[in-house]
Amino acid sequence: MTIYDELVARGLIAQVTDEEEIKDLVNNGKATFYIGFDPTADSLHVGHFMALCLMKRLQMAGNKPIALIGGGTAMVGDPSGRSDMRQMMTQETIQHNCDCFKKQMERFIDFSDGKALMVNNGDWLLGLNYVDFLREIGPHFSVNRMLTAECYKQRMEKGLSFLEFNYMLMQSYDFYMLYQKYGCNLQFGGDDQWSNMLGGTELIRRKLGKNACAMTITLLLNSEGKKMGKTQSGAVWLDPNKTSPFDFYQYWRNVADADVLKCIRMLTFLPLEQIDEMDKWEGSQLNQAKEILAYELTALVHGEEEAKKAQEGARALFSAGNAANMPSTTLAAEDFQDGAIDLISLLCKAGLVTSRSEGRRAIEQGGVSVDGEKITDIRYNVKKEDITEEGLVVKRGKKKFMKICL
């Protein structure tokens, strides 16, 4: 099976400009391709996960990835899929975020010996002369056509700023520059980026008389049509300091039955033959599939050792097994008053609730237990002597728990 056929079989491809040309490039290791990442935070998140996996797959097939960090475009902000304008960032913040991205990307992409590149579009965008840019690039874009682009429609309802309106030109210019500097002949992106990507291929054709291709990746949506990678408390990050390996594991362990096989097919590197067999699984076998999904993805992001710890910790929660690898919170002397800590404070300290009012509701609704005993009294106190050397397990709901240690 060719790499292109595998991408199709895994359900990763949404739209392509020229299928035969793209097949020839990727199947024969002739693609120098790029995916853009705007550094709007100091960590990548699950929303970037599919792009990183795609880069890894194509590099393994002999193609050369370029990770384009949007140090320039981040100064503007992509309006795609947004109802409001992004906050402006300083260049120092953008550079810090870029540095964080590279460390995380190195788990997926081999940057050694020129096998892949990381470049920053700030290198060519930030020094542009505005009038020269308008004269060189502006004539090749129709405003009427731009206004029909999907990426602008949602923002048009509430008001699209001229700042954001320039984003398509900037992304198109990126592809144009990457083609000239590095021979980049293929761009990948989310399906919501299609209009911007076509702008790039058209600019290369008009300015250079050359053919470049674009392909969009299927967005990772759950069975309800919502983007995956968010929880009630926010995004699921790849940085272990923002989302612990255990919480990352638990996110995938808890996906809906309807989504687990799709996620395994799109995100893991398990052989398709093995996944095809798993398609027949049902009932309790789906729990096994979820464990496989969670383990494989946690190992990809955090390594085998952390994946094993997370798996053992999760299993320990639902069995009488060793709880050594449960996530834990350590209390200090100042957390106690008169040798005790109230349960609401303990829930907040353990990160099982985000506020005291949320903690109060969880207790009143019977959703909190301490060492297996359900607690419904909001005035309940945990005494210092109740916390043994093995720790004290506090649960909220069926799937959130924490071992409390001294």
Foldseek 3Di string as FASTA:
>chain_A
DFLVVLCVVLQWFDDKDDVVVVSVCQRVLNAEEEEEDELPDLFAFPQCQLVLQVQLSSLVSNHEYEYEYALPLLQQQALAPDQDGDDGDDSVSRVNSLVSHVVQSVLRDPPPPNSYYYYYLCVPRVPDDVVVLCVLQVVLDDPVVLCVQNRCVSNVVVHDDPSNSCSLSSLLVVLLVCCVPPVRQEYEEAPSCVSSVVSNQSSCCVPPVDGGMYIYTYACAAPVRHGPQADPVGGGTLDCVVPNLLNQLLSLLPGDLRCLLSLCSSRAPPDPVVSVVLVPDDDPVSSVSSLVSSLRVSCSRPNNVSSVLSSVCQVVLVDVDQNPSHAAAEDDPVCDDPQKHFPLSVCCRQVVDVDSVVSLVQLCVQFKDKQPHTHNDNRDIDGNVNQDQSFIWMGGHDRDIHGYHD
